[in-house]
């Protein structure tokens, strides 16, 4: 059984159908990269996985458990308490860092461990220090967000999410708000997590990262999965003109392949 399974997932905003029947499986330990033009539904799908967006048809399961809705004869949304428990199994890092500005890096990482995981303060702080060390911020634990670079803030956000020991990590264009020279430090942390076997779904336009780190690449186009395969299959043997056109934007990058 896949760790994450999505079947026939549809999402509408009024009359606009953004997701038109998404089918995706993610196995334990895989890094699945979602690529595609803006508006293709990548971020919406990511947000449906942990029910930041409600989806209107189909099902998403994590470890065999239906996310957000009870399955059966009638589709019924689960209680907020149940959904909160499910979200605790899924970490997500956004384009914006979403750190609490009045808290240090250590306090930002510790907070969820205490309030959600109900860990003792000392144990939570120890785990937070471990993950801040892992993302290269041992000397920035007591700094506030305004004292950190964008790349450092994003690494704190990653440490905060991973410290919760989620079953699945979601990354939504986490480098898009960063200056180019800061992108590499964040991607290096994600690559390190991938080497450790973290299961990840990543929305990214960083094609060298996608090529080198992803287990599978899913090209989304107008709310559908247009091609799904290994990085070599998708990036070097596109099956549709839409994918060829999309990859053409990265001609300089793939000139290095």
Protein backbone atom coordinates (compact mmCIF):
# COMPACT_ATOMS: atom_id res chain seq x y z
CA UNK A 1 0.00 0.00 0.00
CA UNK A 2 1.38 3.45 -0.87
CA UNK A 3 2.00 5.81 2.04
CA UNK A 4 -0.07 8.46 0.23
CA UNK A 5 -2.77 7.63 -2.28
CA UNK A 6 -4.88 10.14 -4.20
CA UNK A 7 -7.72 8.95 -6.43
CA UNK A 8 -9.94 11.04 -8.69
CA UNK A 9 -9.39 14.21 -6.64
CA UNK A 10 -11.46 17.18 -7.84
CA UNK A 11 -11.43 20.74 -6.51
CA UNK A 12 -13.57 23.70 -7.57
CA UNK A 13 -13.62 27.39 -6.76
CA UNK A 14 -17.18 28.24 -7.69
CA UNK A 15 -17.54 27.25 -11.35
CA UNK A 16 -13.78 27.01 -11.88
CA UNK A 17 -12.53 23.42 -11.66
CA UNK A 18 -8.90 23.55 -10.60
CA UNK A 19 -8.28 19.83 -10.07
CA UNK A 20 -9.91 17.51 -12.59
CA UNK A 21 -9.33 14.00 -11.27
CA UNK A 22 -5.83 13.67 -9.82
CA UNK A 23 -4.43 10.15 -9.35
CA UNK A 24 -1.06 10.00 -7.56
CA UNK A 25 0.64 7.40 -5.34
CA UNK A 26 3.63 8.14 -3.12
CA UNK A 27 5.59 5.25 -1.66
CA UNK A 28 7.39 5.36 1.66
CA UNK A 29 10.76 7.09 1.25
CA UNK A 30 10.02 8.57 -2.19
CA UNK A 31 10.58 12.18 -3.20
CA UNK A 32 7.86 13.10 -5.69
CA UNK A 33 8.31 16.41 -7.50
CA UNK A 34 5.27 18.20 -8.93
CA UNK A 35 6.15 20.44 -11.86
CA UNK A 36 4.06 22.50 -14.24
CA UNK A 37 3.12 26.05 -15.17
CA UNK A 38 1.53 28.43 -12.69
CA UNK A 39 -2.17 27.67 -12.40
CA UNK A 40 -1.80 23.97 -13.21
CA UNK A 41 -3.09 22.94 -9.76
CA UNK A 42 0.15 21.91 -8.03
CA UNK A 43 -0.21 24.03 -4.89
CA UNK A 44 -3.95 23.41 -4.68
CA UNK A 45 -3.34 19.67 -4.71
CA UNK A 46 -0.65 20.00 -2.05
CA UNK A 47 -3.05 21.95 0.17
CA UNK A 48 -5.76 19.34 -0.35
CA UNK A 49 -3.47 16.65 1.03
CA UNK A 50 -3.59 18.16 4.51
CA UNK A 51 -7.03 19.74 4.01
CA UNK A 52 -5.95 23.36 3.99
CA UNK A 53 -8.25 23.22 0.97
CA UNK A 54 -11.36 21.06 0.88
CA UNK A 55 -11.70 18.81 -2.16
CA UNK A 56 -15.06 17.96 -3.64
CA UNK A 57 -14.68 14.47 -5.08
CA UNK A 58 -12.38 11.48 -4.78
CA UNK A 59 -10.27 10.48 -1.82
CA UNK A 60 -6.81 10.97 -0.33
CA UNK A 61 -5.42 8.44 2.12
CA UNK A 62 -2.32 8.47 4.32
CA UNK A 63 -1.23 5.10 5.72
CA UNK A 64 -4.57 3.75 4.50
CA UNK A 65 -6.57 6.32 6.49
CA UNK A 66 -8.91 8.62 4.55
CA UNK A 67 -7.87 12.27 4.95
CA UNK A 68 -10.58 14.78 5.73
CA UNK A 69 -13.62 12.71 4.83
CA UNK A 70 -15.25 9.49 5.97
CA UNK A 71 -15.61 7.01 3.15
CA UNK A 72 -18.78 5.01 2.69
CA UNK A 73 -22.16 5.45 1.07
CA UNK A 74 -22.20 9.16 1.92
CA UNK A 75 -19.19 11.45 1.80
CA UNK A 76 -18.93 13.15 5.20
CA UNK A 77 -16.33 15.61 6.45
CA UNK A 78 -14.53 14.48 9.59
CA UNK A 79 -14.57 16.51 12.80
CA UNK A 80 -12.04 19.32 13.18
CA UNK A 81 -10.42 17.38 16.02
CA UNK A 82 -9.93 14.36 13.79
CA UNK A 83 -8.63 16.49 10.94
CA UNK A 84 -6.18 18.22 13.30
CA UNK A 85 -4.86 14.80 14.36
CA UNK A 86 -4.39 13.86 10.70
CA UNK A 87 -2.60 17.13 9.92
CA UNK A 88 -0.14 16.38 12.72
CA UNK A 89 1.13 13.49 10.57
CA UNK A 90 1.83 15.82 7.63
CA UNK A 91 4.46 18.56 7.72
CA UNK A 92 4.25 21.47 5.31
CA UNK A 93 6.67 24.26 4.43
CA UNK A 94 5.36 27.22 2.46
CA UNK A 95 6.80 29.91 0.21
CA UNK A 96 6.56 32.37 3.11
CA UNK A 97 8.36 31.37 6.28
CA UNK A 98 5.43 31.98 8.68
CA UNK A 99 7.69 32.24 11.73
CA UNK A 100 6.48 33.98 14.87
CA UNK A 101 8.43 37.26 14.81
CA UNK A 102 8.47 37.65 18.62
CA UNK A 103 10.03 34.21 19.17
CA UNK A 104 13.59 32.99 18.72
CA UNK A 105 14.41 30.24 16.23
CA UNK A 106 14.51 27.76 19.13
CA UNK A 107 11.14 28.88 20.47
CA UNK A 108 9.58 28.69 16.98
CA UNK A 109 10.62 25.06 16.65
CA UNK A 110 9.74 24.16 20.26
CA UNK A 111 6.21 25.61 20.26
CA UNK A 112 4.46 22.90 18.22
CA UNK A 113 6.23 20.12 20.09
CA UNK A 114 4.82 21.41 23.37
CA UNK A 115 1.36 22.45 22.23
CA UNK A 116 0.61 19.71 19.68
CA UNK A 117 2.83 16.79 20.68
CA UNK A 118 2.43 17.58 24.40
CA UNK A 119 6.14 17.13 25.01
CA UNK A 120 7.80 18.44 28.16
CA UNK A 121 9.59 21.77 27.65
CA UNK A 122 13.04 20.30 28.22
CA UNK A 123 12.50 17.38 25.83
CA UNK A 124 10.99 19.70 23.21
CA UNK A 125 13.90 22.12 23.45
CA UNK A 126 16.36 19.24 23.08
CA UNK A 127 14.65 18.02 19.93
CA UNK A 128 14.43 21.58 18.58
CA UNK A 129 18.16 22.10 19.14
CA UNK A 130 18.88 18.82 17.35
CA UNK A 131 16.96 19.88 14.24
CA UNK A 132 18.34 23.41 14.22
CA UNK A 133 21.79 21.82 14.34
CA UNK A 134 20.81 19.52 11.45
CA UNK A 135 19.79 22.47 9.24
CA UNK A 136 23.02 24.32 10.04
CA UNK A 137 21.68 26.86 12.52
CA UNK A 138 23.34 25.79 15.78
CA UNK A 139 24.73 29.31 16.19
CA UNK A 140 21.39 31.00 15.38
CA UNK A 141 19.11 29.28 17.89
CA UNK A 142 18.61 32.41 19.98
CA UNK A 143 18.16 34.78 17.03
CA UNK A 144 14.80 36.29 16.14
CA UNK A 145 13.48 36.07 12.57
CA UNK A 146 14.44 39.68 11.79
CA UNK A 147 18.04 38.77 12.64
CA UNK A 148 18.07 35.90 10.12
CA UNK A 149 18.43 35.86 6.34
CA UNK A 150 15.58 34.53 4.21
CA UNK A 151 17.41 31.25 3.72
CA UNK A 152 17.99 30.90 7.44
CA UNK A 153 14.33 31.63 8.19
CA UNK A 154 13.26 28.98 5.71
CA UNK A 155 15.61 26.49 7.33
CA UNK A 156 14.01 27.25 10.70
CA UNK A 157 10.61 26.60 9.09
CA UNK A 158 11.88 23.24 7.79
CA UNK A 159 13.32 22.33 11.20
CA UNK A 160 10.00 23.25 12.83
CA UNK A 161 8.06 20.96 10.47
CA UNK A 162 10.45 18.00 10.56
CA UNK A 163 10.84 18.13 14.36
CA UNK A 164 7.17 17.08 14.59
CA UNK A 165 8.22 13.74 13.02
CA UNK A 166 5.58 13.74 10.29
CA UNK A 167 4.94 10.71 8.12
CA UNK A 168 4.97 12.95 5.04
CA UNK A 169 6.57 16.32 4.22
CA UNK A 170 5.08 18.79 1.73
CA UNK A 171 7.18 21.60 0.24
CA UNK A 172 5.45 24.35 -1.72
CA UNK A 173 7.93 26.39 -3.79
CA UNK A 174 10.01 26.94 -0.67
CA UNK A 175 12.79 28.76 -2.52
CA UNK A 176 10.66 31.10 -4.62
CA UNK A 177 10.84 34.00 -2.14
CA UNK A 178 14.62 33.73 -1.70
CA UNK A 179 17.46 35.56 -3.37
CA UNK A 180 19.31 33.23 -5.77
CA UNK A 181 22.38 32.95 -3.54
CA UNK A 182 20.21 31.65 -0.66
CA UNK A 183 18.41 28.97 -2.66
CA UNK A 184 21.25 26.44 -2.51
CA UNK A 185 21.37 26.33 1.29
CA UNK A 186 17.67 25.45 1.53
CA UNK A 187 17.85 22.85 -1.24
CA UNK A 188 20.85 21.27 0.51
CA UNK A 189 18.73 20.74 3.64
CA UNK A 190 15.95 19.14 1.57
CA UNK A 191 18.48 16.91 -0.20
CA UNK A 192 19.81 15.82 3.20
CA UNK A 193 16.28 14.90 4.33
CA UNK A 194 15.78 12.91 1.14
CA UNK A 195 18.99 10.95 1.79
CA UNK A 196 17.63 10.13 5.25
CA UNK A 197 14.54 8.56 3.67
CA UNK A 198 12.00 11.30 4.39
CA UNK A 199 8.89 10.90 2.23
CA UNK A 200 8.36 14.19 0.41
CA UNK A 201 6.05 15.80 -2.14
CA UNK A 202 7.76 18.88 -3.55
CA UNK A 203 6.36 21.62 -5.77
CA UNK A 204 9.41 23.21 -7.37
CA UNK A 205 10.80 24.97 -10.42
CA UNK A 206 14.37 24.16 -9.35
CA UNK A 207 14.97 21.68 -12.15
CA UNK A 208 18.46 20.57 -11.19
CA UNK A 209 17.11 19.68 -7.74
CA UNK A 210 14.21 17.83 -9.37
CA UNK A 211 16.58 15.95 -11.67
CA UNK A 212 19.07 15.01 -8.94
CA UNK A 213 16.84 14.35 -5.92
CA UNK A 214 13.36 13.29 -7.04
CA UNK A 215 12.41 9.62 -7.24
CA UNK A 216 9.50 10.51 -9.53
CA UNK A 217 8.38 13.60 -11.39
CA UNK A 218 4.73 14.43 -12.02
CA UNK A 219 3.93 17.02 -14.68
CA UNK A 220 0.58 18.68 -14.01
CA UNK A 221 -1.26 20.57 -16.71
CA UNK A 222 -4.64 22.32 -16.34
CA UNK A 223 -5.62 20.35 -13.26
CA UNK A 224 -4.60 16.92 -14.54
CA UNK A 225 -1.59 14.62 -14.37
CA UNK A 226 -0.17 14.82 -17.88
CA UNK A 227 2.95 12.68 -17.34
CA UNK A 228 4.33 10.71 -14.41
CA UNK A 229 7.65 8.90 -14.39
CA UNK A 230 11.30 8.95 -13.41
CA UNK A 231 13.21 12.23 -13.76
CA UNK A 232 14.89 10.86 -16.89
CA UNK A 233 11.56 9.87 -18.47
CA UNK A 234 9.77 13.13 -17.74
CA UNK A 235 12.61 15.63 -18.18
CA UNK A 236 14.27 14.02 -21.20
CA UNK A 237 11.44 12.16 -22.94
CA UNK A 238 8.39 14.44 -22.73
CA UNK A 239 5.28 12.86 -24.25
CA UNK A 240 3.24 16.03 -24.86
CA UNK A 241 3.81 19.35 -26.55
CA UNK A 242 2.74 21.11 -23.34
CA UNK A 243 5.54 19.44 -21.41
CA UNK A 244 8.07 20.14 -24.18
CA UNK A 245 7.08 23.81 -24.09
CA UNK A 246 7.31 23.93 -20.29
CA UNK A 247 10.75 22.32 -20.24
CA UNK A 248 11.88 24.69 -22.98
CA UNK A 249 11.89 27.46 -20.40
CA UNK A 250 14.74 25.66 -18.69
CA UNK A 251 16.87 25.15 -21.79
CA UNK A 252 19.90 26.72 -20.10
CA UNK A 253 19.58 24.36 -17.16
CA UNK A 254 19.19 21.22 -19.22
CA UNK A 255 22.07 22.26 -21.40
CA UNK A 256 24.15 21.20 -18.40
CA UNK A 257 22.58 17.73 -18.18
